[in-house]
Amino acid sequence: MASAGMGDTLSGILASLLGQGLVPVQAAVAGVRLHARAGERAGQLHGYGLSATDVASQLGERGPI
């Protein structure tokens, strides 16, 4: 999760949640959790060397891998 674009991915999640009307604290808590879970899912699929695209592709996915 410490690679180029990960912060941009998180920023996009936060902006989206704020745009949907969440207050900043709620957006931060939910956004960090969504970003982390997408990273966990991407890690299960791709192993080490994740890119921001790998993480972003897992946003909105449902169910176990």
Protein backbone atom coordinates (compact mmCIF):
# COMPACT_ATOMS: atom_id res chain seq x y z
CA MET A 1 0.00 0.00 0.00
CA ALA A 2 3.05 2.26 -0.05
CA SER A 3 3.33 2.71 -3.78
CA ALA A 4 2.63 5.44 -6.29
CA GLY A 5 -1.02 6.38 -6.57
CA MET A 6 -2.28 4.81 -3.35
CA GLY A 7 -2.84 8.21 -1.78
CA ASP A 8 -4.65 9.33 -4.90
CA THR A 9 -6.90 6.30 -4.65
CA LEU A 10 -7.67 7.08 -1.02
CA SER A 11 -8.28 10.74 -1.86
CA GLY A 12 -10.74 9.72 -4.55
CA ILE A 13 -12.62 7.50 -2.13
CA LEU A 14 -12.79 10.30 0.43
CA ALA A 15 -13.95 12.85 -2.16
CA SER A 16 -16.64 10.45 -3.34
CA LEU A 17 -17.93 9.88 0.18
CA LEU A 18 -17.93 13.59 0.95
CA GLY A 19 -19.77 14.22 -2.31
CA GLN A 20 -22.43 11.76 -1.21
CA GLY A 21 -23.06 13.82 1.90
CA LEU A 22 -21.05 12.12 4.62
CA VAL A 23 -19.58 14.45 7.20
CA PRO A 24 -15.76 14.54 7.15
CA VAL A 25 -15.26 12.25 10.15
CA GLN A 26 -17.64 9.63 8.75
CA ALA A 27 -16.02 9.90 5.31
CA ALA A 28 -12.56 9.45 6.81
CA VAL A 29 -13.51 6.38 8.82
CA ALA A 30 -15.44 4.74 6.00
CA GLY A 31 -12.91 5.73 3.36
CA VAL A 32 -9.92 4.33 5.20
CA ARG A 33 -11.80 1.09 5.81
CA LEU A 34 -12.86 0.76 2.17
CA HIS A 35 -9.32 1.49 0.98
CA ALA A 36 -7.83 -1.02 3.41
CA ARG A 37 -10.32 -3.75 2.49
CA ALA A 38 -9.73 -3.19 -1.22
CA GLY A 39 -6.00 -3.50 -0.51
CA GLU A 40 -6.54 -6.75 1.38
CA ARG A 41 -8.58 -8.18 -1.49
CA ALA A 42 -6.04 -7.04 -4.09
CA GLY A 43 -3.25 -8.56 -2.02
CA GLN A 44 -5.03 -11.90 -2.00
CA LEU A 45 -5.33 -11.79 -5.77
CA HIS A 46 -1.97 -10.28 -6.76
CA GLY A 47 0.41 -10.84 -3.84
CA TYR A 48 3.26 -8.38 -3.36
CA GLY A 49 3.83 -5.40 -5.60
CA LEU A 50 0.33 -3.99 -5.69
CA SER A 51 -0.43 -1.01 -7.86
CA ALA A 52 -3.08 1.60 -7.20
CA THR A 53 -5.02 0.15 -10.13
CA ASP A 54 -5.07 -3.26 -8.42
CA VAL A 55 -6.57 -1.69 -5.32
CA ALA A 56 -9.03 0.52 -7.20
CA SER A 57 -10.28 -2.48 -9.16
CA GLN A 58 -11.39 -4.08 -5.89
CA LEU A 59 -13.55 -1.16 -4.80
CA GLY A 60 -17.17 -2.13 -5.00
CA GLU A 61 -16.45 -5.84 -5.30
CA ARG A 62 -18.55 -8.08 -3.10
CA GLY A 63 -18.10 -11.42 -1.46
CA PRO A 64 -15.07 -13.51 -0.62
CA ILE A 65 -12.23 -14.13 -2.98
